[in-house]
Amino acid sequence: MNRYKCTISYDGTGFSGYQVQPNKRTVQSQIENVLAKIHKGGHVKIAASGRTDAGVHAKGQVIHFESPLSLPVEKWELALNSMLPEDISVLLVEKADSSFHARFDASGKEYRYFLYQSAKRDPFQRNYAFHYPYPLDLAAMREACTYLLGTHDFSSFCSARTEVEDKVRTIETIEILQDEEHLCFRFVGNGFLYNMVRILVGTLVEVGAGKRRPEEIVEILQKRDRRYAGKTAPGQGLYLWKVFYENKKVNNSS
């Protein structure tokens, strides 16, 4: 069997998330349906670096799958893109080592979250950014970010529905970038919990709106209780931007 690593991009608007769900249109089901056609009806399961929720987008999601077919990587790209719907694109296919795993080999991820700050709604932004037309104190938000950097138990910043027991994660970088009418929150870390980035953004927005003091972040972390953090920001502003692999275990030859 040959193992292939694929970097994919998708517009999450028309999906009920990444993971297969009964009677739902998902990213995983669309890709697996195409792979089944290529393999003449044989089921090929894919594994991803992580799941994304309904409406959440990906610029650099990574998946892997196994196949008895020995197609050159460029042929895989052409075959998949010719059959996938327009809201999914395969950016790169690489031949991977048999031990490579898209999820378990990931050493870190980058997420970005976009706020649209115009006073008026833009219907063309509604699926790709969170419309927040109120003033924000960027200095206070950036100060709050400093308390989130490093290794912490992020229990307060993940969904109460998460099944993960170990909630310790390391955030290496948080940036808040301003570009005309948009704010971009950039998070880089060794891993993120369910809804973690969206709750972080929701809490930082409350700091920027003057509803919380920046130093309250320390207390929120110490509480380890979801009830103490801010609201969960909407899904449409979130993008899985990049997945990092320290040892890529890939070979670009066919």
C-alpha atoms as a PDB file:
ATOM      1  CA  MET A   1       0.000   0.000   0.000  1.00  0.00           C
ATOM      2  CA  ASN A   2       1.118   3.522  -0.761  1.00  0.00           C
ATOM      3  CA  ARG A   3       0.508   6.350   1.679  1.00  0.00           C
ATOM      4  CA  TYR A   4      -0.158   9.875   0.429  1.00  0.00           C
ATOM      5  CA  LYS A   5      -0.137  13.179   2.279  1.00  0.00           C
ATOM      6  CA  CYS A   6      -2.411  15.876   0.857  1.00  0.00           C
ATOM      7  CA  THR A   7      -2.605  19.561   1.692  1.00  0.00           C
ATOM      8  CA  ILE A   8      -6.118  20.798   1.011  1.00  0.00           C
ATOM      9  CA  SER A   9      -8.085  24.025   1.159  1.00  0.00           C
ATOM     10  CA  TYR A  10     -11.826  24.395   1.545  1.00  0.00           C
ATOM     11  CA  ASP A  11     -14.570  26.933   1.967  1.00  0.00           C
ATOM     12  CA  GLY A  12     -16.451  25.694   5.013  1.00  0.00           C
ATOM     13  CA  THR A  13     -19.668  27.592   4.249  1.00  0.00           C
ATOM     14  CA  GLY A  14     -21.470  24.698   2.593  1.00  0.00           C
ATOM     15  CA  PHE A  15     -20.303  21.969   4.953  1.00  0.00           C
ATOM     16  CA  SER A  16     -21.570  20.628   8.267  1.00  0.00           C
ATOM     17  CA  GLY A  17     -17.948  20.458   9.365  1.00  0.00           C
ATOM     18  CA  TYR A  18     -15.039  18.232   8.362  1.00  0.00           C
ATOM     19  CA  GLN A  19     -16.000  14.880   9.905  1.00  0.00           C
ATOM     20  CA  VAL A  20     -18.429  12.411   8.352  1.00  0.00           C
ATOM     21  CA  GLN A  21     -21.963  12.730   9.767  1.00  0.00           C
ATOM     22  CA  PRO A  22     -25.091  10.812   8.746  1.00  0.00           C
ATOM     23  CA  ASN A  23     -27.067  12.613   6.041  1.00  0.00           C
ATOM     24  CA  LYS A  24     -24.773  15.654   6.191  1.00  0.00           C
ATOM     25  CA  ARG A  25     -22.479  17.197   3.608  1.00  0.00           C
ATOM     26  CA  THR A  26     -18.974  17.145   5.087  1.00  0.00           C
ATOM     27  CA  VAL A  27     -15.454  17.629   3.770  1.00  0.00           C
ATOM     28  CA  GLN A  28     -14.413  14.099   4.687  1.00  0.00           C
ATOM     29  CA  SER A  29     -17.394  12.498   2.973  1.00  0.00           C
ATOM     30  CA  GLN A  30     -16.852  14.478  -0.240  1.00  0.00           C
ATOM     31  CA  ILE A  31     -13.188  13.454  -0.482  1.00  0.00           C
ATOM     32  CA  GLU A  32     -13.884   9.833   0.412  1.00  0.00           C
ATOM     33  CA  ASN A  33     -16.645   9.682  -2.224  1.00  0.00           C
ATOM     34  CA  VAL A  34     -14.172  10.828  -4.875  1.00  0.00           C
ATOM     35  CA  LEU A  35     -11.539   8.346  -3.717  1.00  0.00           C
ATOM     36  CA  ALA A  36     -14.155   5.571  -3.908  1.00  0.00           C
ATOM     37  CA  LYS A  37     -14.782   6.467  -7.565  1.00  0.00           C
ATOM     38  CA  ILE A  38     -11.054   6.425  -8.324  1.00  0.00           C
ATOM     39  CA  HIS A  39     -10.802   3.021  -6.637  1.00  0.00           C
ATOM     40  CA  LYS A  40     -13.853   1.667  -8.517  1.00  0.00           C
ATOM     41  CA  GLY A  41     -16.124   1.585  -5.489  1.00  0.00           C
ATOM     42  CA  GLY A  42     -13.587   0.562  -2.880  1.00  0.00           C
ATOM     43  CA  HIS A  43     -13.791   2.588   0.321  1.00  0.00           C
ATOM     44  CA  VAL A  44     -10.687   4.627   1.138  1.00  0.00           C
ATOM     45  CA  LYS A  45     -10.711   6.319   4.534  1.00  0.00           C
ATOM     46  CA  ILE A  46      -8.846   9.570   5.040  1.00  0.00           C
ATOM     47  CA  ALA A  47      -7.365  10.919   8.276  1.00  0.00           C
ATOM     48  CA  ALA A  48      -6.938  14.640   8.920  1.00  0.00           C
ATOM     49  CA  SER A  49      -4.737  16.751  11.170  1.00  0.00           C
ATOM     50  CA  GLY A  50      -7.927  17.680  13.029  1.00  0.00           C
ATOM     51  CA  ARG A  51     -11.611  18.436  12.619  1.00  0.00           C
ATOM     52  CA  THR A  52     -13.180  21.746  11.729  1.00  0.00           C
ATOM     53  CA  ASP A  53     -16.729  22.761  12.655  1.00  0.00           C
ATOM     54  CA  ALA A  54     -19.576  23.844  10.403  1.00  0.00           C
ATOM     55  CA  GLY A  55     -18.730  27.062   8.566  1.00  0.00           C
ATOM     56  CA  VAL A  56     -15.027  26.953   9.485  1.00  0.00           C
ATOM     57  CA  HIS A  57     -12.559  27.233   6.610  1.00  0.00           C
ATOM     58  CA  ALA A  58      -9.143  25.749   5.858  1.00  0.00           C
ATOM     59  CA  LYS A  59      -6.261  27.190   3.875  1.00  0.00           C
ATOM     60  CA  GLY A  60      -3.841  24.386   4.735  1.00  0.00           C
ATOM     61  CA  GLN A  61      -5.581  21.342   6.186  1.00  0.00           C
ATOM     62  CA  VAL A  62      -3.564  18.124   5.900  1.00  0.00           C
ATOM     63  CA  ILE A  63      -4.958  14.634   5.309  1.00  0.00           C
ATOM     64  CA  HIS A  64      -3.495  11.268   4.461  1.00  0.00           C
ATOM     65  CA  PHE A  65      -4.819   8.083   2.875  1.00  0.00           C
ATOM     66  CA  GLU A  66      -3.551   4.718   1.676  1.00  0.00           C
ATOM     67  CA  SER A  67      -3.998   3.330  -1.815  1.00  0.00           C
ATOM     68  CA  PRO A  68      -2.817   0.283  -3.773  1.00  0.00           C
ATOM     69  CA  LEU A  69      -2.523   2.596  -6.803  1.00  0.00           C
ATOM     70  CA  SER A  70       0.936   3.911  -7.646  1.00  0.00           C
ATOM     71  CA  LEU A  71       0.032   7.107  -9.453  1.00  0.00           C
ATOM     72  CA  PRO A  72       2.551   9.964  -9.694  1.00  0.00           C
ATOM     73  CA  VAL A  73       1.685  12.679  -7.187  1.00  0.00           C
ATOM     74  CA  GLU A  74       0.783  15.163  -9.934  1.00  0.00           C
ATOM     75  CA  LYS A  75      -1.715  12.641 -11.346  1.00  0.00           C
ATOM     76  CA  TRP A  76      -3.337  12.353  -7.913  1.00  0.00           C
ATOM     77  CA  GLU A  77      -3.720  16.129  -7.780  1.00  0.00           C
ATOM     78  CA  LEU A  78      -5.315  16.244 -11.227  1.00  0.00           C
ATOM     79  CA  ALA A  79      -7.616  13.283 -10.571  1.00  0.00           C
ATOM     80  CA  LEU A  80      -8.856  14.555  -7.220  1.00  0.00           C
ATOM     81  CA  ASN A  81      -9.362  18.165  -8.307  1.00  0.00           C
ATOM     82  CA  SER A  82     -11.193  17.143 -11.457  1.00  0.00           C
ATOM     83  CA  MET A  83     -13.811  15.279  -9.376  1.00  0.00           C
ATOM     84  CA  LEU A  84     -14.042  17.281  -6.153  1.00  0.00           C
ATOM     85  CA  PRO A  85     -16.662  20.045  -5.729  1.00  0.00           C
ATOM     86  CA  GLU A  86     -15.553  23.620  -6.281  1.00  0.00           C
ATOM     87  CA  ASP A  87     -15.415  24.405  -2.551  1.00  0.00           C
ATOM     88  CA  ILE A  88     -12.564  21.912  -1.979  1.00  0.00           C
ATOM     89  CA  SER A  89      -9.136  22.122  -3.607  1.00  0.00           C
ATOM     90  CA  VAL A  90      -6.151  19.774  -3.328  1.00  0.00           C
ATOM     91  CA  LEU A  91      -3.108  22.040  -3.186  1.00  0.00           C
ATOM     92  CA  LEU A  92      -0.374  19.431  -2.915  1.00  0.00           C
ATOM     93  CA  VAL A  93      -0.001  15.643  -2.882  1.00  0.00           C
ATOM     94  CA  GLU A  94       3.177  14.040  -1.521  1.00  0.00           C
ATOM     95  CA  LYS A  95       4.250  10.427  -1.220  1.00  0.00           C
ATOM     96  CA  ALA A  96       4.566   9.745   2.509  1.00  0.00           C
ATOM     97  CA  ASP A  97       6.360   7.210   4.638  1.00  0.00           C
ATOM     98  CA  SER A  98       4.143   4.317   5.721  1.00  0.00           C
ATOM     99  CA  SER A  99       4.323   5.539   9.327  1.00  0.00           C
ATOM    100  CA  PHE A 100       3.214   9.104   8.557  1.00  0.00           C
ATOM    101  CA  HIS A 101      -0.002  10.228  10.254  1.00  0.00           C
ATOM    102  CA  ALA A 102      -1.639  13.578   9.492  1.00  0.00           C
ATOM    103  CA  ARG A 103      -2.884  14.003  13.048  1.00  0.00           C
ATOM    104  CA  PHE A 104      -0.339  12.322  15.304  1.00  0.00           C
ATOM    105  CA  ASP A 105       2.753  13.614  13.484  1.00  0.00           C
ATOM    106  CA  ALA A 106       1.611  17.240  13.553  1.00  0.00           C
ATOM    107  CA  SER A 107       3.943  19.335  15.719  1.00  0.00           C
ATOM    108  CA  GLY A 108       1.860  22.506  15.610  1.00  0.00           C
ATOM    109  CA  LYS A 109      -0.836  24.512  13.873  1.00  0.00           C
ATOM    110  CA  GLU A 110      -1.573  28.040  12.835  1.00  0.00           C
ATOM    111  CA  TYR A 111      -5.112  29.399  12.967  1.00  0.00           C
ATOM    112  CA  ARG A 112      -6.296  32.816  11.855  1.00  0.00           C
ATOM    113  CA  TYR A 113      -9.533  34.525  12.778  1.00  0.00           C
ATOM    114  CA  PHE A 114     -10.946  37.519  10.884  1.00  0.00           C
ATOM    115  CA  LEU A 115     -13.134  40.321  12.239  1.00  0.00           C
ATOM    116  CA  TYR A 116     -14.851  42.685   9.807  1.00  0.00           C
ATOM    117  CA  GLN A 117     -15.172  46.072  11.480  1.00  0.00           C
ATOM    118  CA  SER A 118     -17.076  48.226   9.009  1.00  0.00           C
ATOM    119  CA  ALA A 119     -20.064  50.106  10.423  1.00  0.00           C
ATOM    120  CA  LYS A 120     -22.247  48.548   7.730  1.00  0.00           C
ATOM    121  CA  ARG A 121     -22.819  44.910   6.879  1.00  0.00           C
ATOM    122  CA  ASP A 122     -21.200  43.582   3.742  1.00  0.00           C
ATOM    123  CA  PRO A 123     -23.130  40.591   2.385  1.00  0.00           C
ATOM    124  CA  PHE A 124     -19.959  39.367   0.676  1.00  0.00           C
ATOM    125  CA  GLN A 125     -18.145  39.143   4.017  1.00  0.00           C
ATOM    126  CA  ARG A 126     -20.829  37.331   5.971  1.00  0.00           C
ATOM    127  CA  ASN A 127     -19.452  33.819   5.368  1.00  0.00           C
ATOM    128  CA  TYR A 128     -15.779  34.683   5.769  1.00  0.00           C
ATOM    129  CA  ALA A 129     -15.459  37.060   8.729  1.00  0.00           C
ATOM    130  CA  PHE A 130     -17.266  37.960  11.956  1.00  0.00           C
ATOM    131  CA  HIS A 131     -18.941  41.345  11.549  1.00  0.00           C
ATOM    132  CA  TYR A 132     -18.150  43.404  14.652  1.00  0.00           C
ATOM    133  CA  PRO A 133     -18.848  47.119  13.982  1.00  0.00           C
ATOM    134  CA  TYR A 134     -17.922  48.451  17.428  1.00  0.00           C
ATOM    135  CA  PRO A 135     -14.663  50.118  18.539  1.00  0.00           C
ATOM    136  CA  LEU A 136     -11.981  47.932  20.129  1.00  0.00           C
ATOM    137  CA  ASP A 137      -8.971  48.831  22.259  1.00  0.00           C
ATOM    138  CA  LEU A 138      -6.154  47.053  20.426  1.00  0.00           C
ATOM    139  CA  ALA A 139      -3.571  47.898  23.078  1.00  0.00           C
ATOM    140  CA  ALA A 140      -5.673  46.217  25.775  1.00  0.00           C
ATOM    141  CA  MET A 141      -6.241  43.173  23.569  1.00  0.00           C
ATOM    142  CA  ARG A 142      -2.537  42.841  22.812  1.00  0.00           C
ATOM    143  CA  GLU A 143      -1.737  43.088  26.512  1.00  0.00           C
ATOM    144  CA  ALA A 144      -4.246  40.322  27.203  1.00  0.00           C
ATOM    145  CA  CYS A 145      -2.506  38.157  24.602  1.00  0.00           C
ATOM    146  CA  THR A 146       0.731  38.233  26.593  1.00  0.00           C
ATOM    147  CA  TYR A 147      -0.951  36.345  29.443  1.00  0.00           C
ATOM    148  CA  LEU A 148      -1.994  33.572  27.043  1.00  0.00           C
ATOM    149  CA  LEU A 149       1.458  32.902  25.646  1.00  0.00           C
ATOM    150  CA  GLY A 150       3.363  29.864  26.874  1.00  0.00           C
ATOM    151  CA  THR A 151       2.195  26.578  28.338  1.00  0.00           C
ATOM    152  CA  HIS A 152      -1.080  26.583  30.261  1.00  0.00           C
ATOM    153  CA  ASP A 153      -4.085  24.440  31.093  1.00  0.00           C
ATOM    154  CA  PHE A 154      -6.655  25.906  28.705  1.00  0.00           C
ATOM    155  CA  SER A 155      -9.712  24.237  30.283  1.00  0.00           C
ATOM    156  CA  SER A 156     -11.438  27.625  30.505  1.00  0.00           C
ATOM    157  CA  PHE A 157     -10.958  28.134  26.783  1.00  0.00           C
ATOM    158  CA  CYS A 158     -12.409  24.950  25.365  1.00  0.00           C
ATOM    159  CA  SER A 159     -15.907  23.656  24.855  1.00  0.00           C
ATOM    160  CA  ALA A 160     -17.436  21.847  27.803  1.00  0.00           C
ATOM    161  CA  ARG A 161     -18.313  19.116  25.290  1.00  0.00           C
ATOM    162  CA  THR A 162     -14.686  18.202  24.614  1.00  0.00           C
ATOM    163  CA  GLU A 163     -13.695  14.622  25.377  1.00  0.00           C
ATOM    164  CA  VAL A 164      -9.977  15.416  25.711  1.00  0.00           C
ATOM    165  CA  GLU A 165      -8.690  15.026  29.266  1.00  0.00           C
ATOM    166  CA  ASP A 166      -5.281  16.696  28.896  1.00  0.00           C
ATOM    167  CA  LYS A 167      -6.016  20.357  28.260  1.00  0.00           C
ATOM    168  CA  VAL A 168      -2.448  21.640  28.553  1.00  0.00           C
ATOM    169  CA  ARG A 169      -1.286  23.364  25.374  1.00  0.00           C
ATOM    170  CA  THR A 170       1.487  25.757  24.380  1.00  0.00           C
ATOM    171  CA  ILE A 171       0.787  28.932  22.406  1.00  0.00           C
ATOM    172  CA  GLU A 172       3.966  30.276  20.838  1.00  0.00           C
ATOM    173  CA  THR A 173       2.613  33.285  18.955  1.00  0.00           C
ATOM    174  CA  ILE A 174      -0.452  35.525  19.099  1.00  0.00           C
ATOM    175  CA  GLU A 175      -0.651  38.523  16.801  1.00  0.00           C
ATOM    176  CA  ILE A 176      -3.479  40.951  16.157  1.00  0.00           C
ATOM    177  CA  LEU A 177      -3.012  42.478  12.728  1.00  0.00           C
ATOM    178  CA  GLN A 178      -5.040  45.433  11.432  1.00  0.00           C
ATOM    179  CA  ASP A 179      -5.740  45.855   7.725  1.00  0.00           C
ATOM    180  CA  GLU A 180      -8.222  48.574   6.737  1.00  0.00           C
ATOM    181  CA  GLU A 181     -11.596  47.258   7.950  1.00  0.00           C
ATOM    182  CA  HIS A 182     -10.326  43.871   9.145  1.00  0.00           C
ATOM    183  CA  LEU A 183      -8.643  42.560  12.254  1.00  0.00           C
ATOM    184  CA  CYS A 184      -6.760  39.291  11.919  1.00  0.00           C
ATOM    185  CA  PHE A 185      -5.983  37.244  15.023  1.00  0.00           C
ATOM    186  CA  ARG A 186      -3.054  34.889  14.358  1.00  0.00           C
ATOM    187  CA  PHE A 187      -2.448  31.960  16.717  1.00  0.00           C
ATOM    188  CA  VAL A 188       0.442  29.502  16.468  1.00  0.00           C
ATOM    189  CA  GLY A 189       0.770  26.662  18.963  1.00  0.00           C
ATOM    190  CA  ASN A 190       1.519  22.988  19.453  1.00  0.00           C
ATOM    191  CA  GLY A 191      -2.190  22.144  19.434  1.00  0.00           C
ATOM    192  CA  PHE A 192      -5.634  23.588  20.062  1.00  0.00           C
ATOM    193  CA  LEU A 193      -8.664  22.254  21.918  1.00  0.00           C
ATOM    194  CA  TYR A 194     -12.240  22.092  20.659  1.00  0.00           C
ATOM    195  CA  ASN A 195     -13.479  25.671  20.086  1.00  0.00           C
ATOM    196  CA  MET A 196     -10.313  27.013  21.760  1.00  0.00           C
ATOM    197  CA  VAL A 197      -9.433  29.645  19.158  1.00  0.00           C
ATOM    198  CA  ARG A 198     -13.017  30.884  18.889  1.00  0.00           C
ATOM    199  CA  ILE A 199     -13.297  31.222  22.695  1.00  0.00           C
ATOM    200  CA  LEU A 200      -9.937  32.988  22.849  1.00  0.00           C
ATOM    201  CA  VAL A 201     -11.124  35.460  20.212  1.00  0.00           C
ATOM    202  CA  GLY A 202     -14.460  35.980  21.964  1.00  0.00           C
ATOM    203  CA  THR A 203     -12.666  36.701  25.234  1.00  0.00           C
ATOM    204  CA  LEU A 204     -10.148  39.072  23.607  1.00  0.00           C
ATOM    205  CA  VAL A 205     -12.998  40.960  21.941  1.00  0.00           C
ATOM    206  CA  GLU A 206     -14.601  41.436  25.362  1.00  0.00           C
ATOM    207  CA  VAL A 207     -11.286  42.865  26.595  1.00  0.00           C
ATOM    208  CA  GLY A 208     -11.164  45.196  23.601  1.00  0.00           C
ATOM    209  CA  ALA A 209     -14.737  46.304  24.257  1.00  0.00           C
ATOM    210  CA  GLY A 210     -13.870  47.225  27.851  1.00  0.00           C
ATOM    211  CA  LYS A 211     -15.939  44.431  29.393  1.00  0.00           C
ATOM    212  CA  ARG A 212     -12.856  42.780  30.897  1.00  0.00           C
ATOM    213  CA  ARG A 213      -9.431  43.930  32.037  1.00  0.00           C
ATOM    214  CA  PRO A 214      -6.429  42.374  30.240  1.00  0.00           C
ATOM    215  CA  GLU A 215      -5.029  40.907  33.460  1.00  0.00           C
ATOM    216  CA  GLU A 216      -8.271  38.961  34.038  1.00  0.00           C
ATOM    217  CA  ILE A 217      -6.865  36.400  31.606  1.00  0.00           C
ATOM    218  CA  VAL A 218      -4.620  35.102  34.402  1.00  0.00           C
ATOM    219  CA  GLU A 219      -7.604  34.428  36.658  1.00  0.00           C
ATOM    220  CA  ILE A 220      -9.593  32.833  33.830  1.00  0.00           C
ATOM    221  CA  LEU A 221      -6.749  30.399  33.166  1.00  0.00           C
ATOM    222  CA  GLN A 222      -6.476  29.582  36.864  1.00  0.00           C
ATOM    223  CA  LYS A 223     -10.224  28.831  37.165  1.00  0.00           C
ATOM    224  CA  ARG A 224     -10.025  26.036  34.564  1.00  0.00           C
ATOM    225  CA  ASP A 225     -13.754  26.479  34.007  1.00  0.00           C
ATOM    226  CA  ARG A 226     -15.405  27.360  30.685  1.00  0.00           C
ATOM    227  CA  ARG A 227     -17.965  29.591  32.432  1.00  0.00           C
ATOM    228  CA  TYR A 228     -15.323  32.218  33.234  1.00  0.00           C
ATOM    229  CA  ALA A 229     -14.160  32.887  29.657  1.00  0.00           C
ATOM    230  CA  GLY A 230     -15.924  34.929  27.007  1.00  0.00           C
ATOM    231  CA  LYS A 231     -18.427  33.959  24.348  1.00  0.00           C
ATOM    232  CA  THR A 232     -17.492  31.637  21.514  1.00  0.00           C
ATOM    233  CA  ALA A 233     -16.873  33.703  18.376  1.00  0.00           C
ATOM    234  CA  PRO A 234     -18.826  32.568  15.277  1.00  0.00           C
ATOM    235  CA  GLY A 235     -17.333  29.865  13.075  1.00  0.00           C
ATOM    236  CA  GLN A 236     -17.224  31.729   9.773  1.00  0.00           C
ATOM    237  CA  GLY A 237     -14.279  33.912  10.837  1.00  0.00           C
ATOM    238  CA  LEU A 238     -11.988  30.956  11.585  1.00  0.00           C
ATOM    239  CA  TYR A 239      -9.405  29.464   9.217  1.00  0.00           C
ATOM    240  CA  LEU A 240      -7.080  26.507   9.768  1.00  0.00           C
ATOM    241  CA  TRP A 241      -4.130  28.223   8.112  1.00  0.00           C
ATOM    242  CA  LYS A 242      -1.240  25.770   8.314  1.00  0.00           C
ATOM    243  CA  VAL A 243      -0.187  22.490   9.916  1.00  0.00           C
ATOM    244  CA  PHE A 244       3.447  21.988  10.913  1.00  0.00           C
ATOM    245  CA  TYR A 245       5.430  18.747  10.816  1.00  0.00           C
ATOM    246  CA  GLU A 246       8.923  18.543  12.316  1.00  0.00           C
ATOM    247  CA  ASN A 247       9.698  15.307  10.520  1.00  0.00           C
ATOM    248  CA  LYS A 248       7.635  15.415   7.363  1.00  0.00           C
ATOM    249  CA  LYS A 249       8.279  11.795   6.345  1.00  0.00           C
ATOM    250  CA  VAL A 250       7.439  12.580   2.742  1.00  0.00           C
ATOM    251  CA  ASN A 251       9.041  11.844  -0.586  1.00  0.00           C
ATOM    252  CA  ASN A 252       7.931  13.842  -3.601  1.00  0.00           C
ATOM    253  CA  SER A 253       8.822  11.071  -6.006  1.00  0.00           C
ATOM    254  CA  SER A 254       5.955   8.999  -7.407  1.00  0.00           C
END
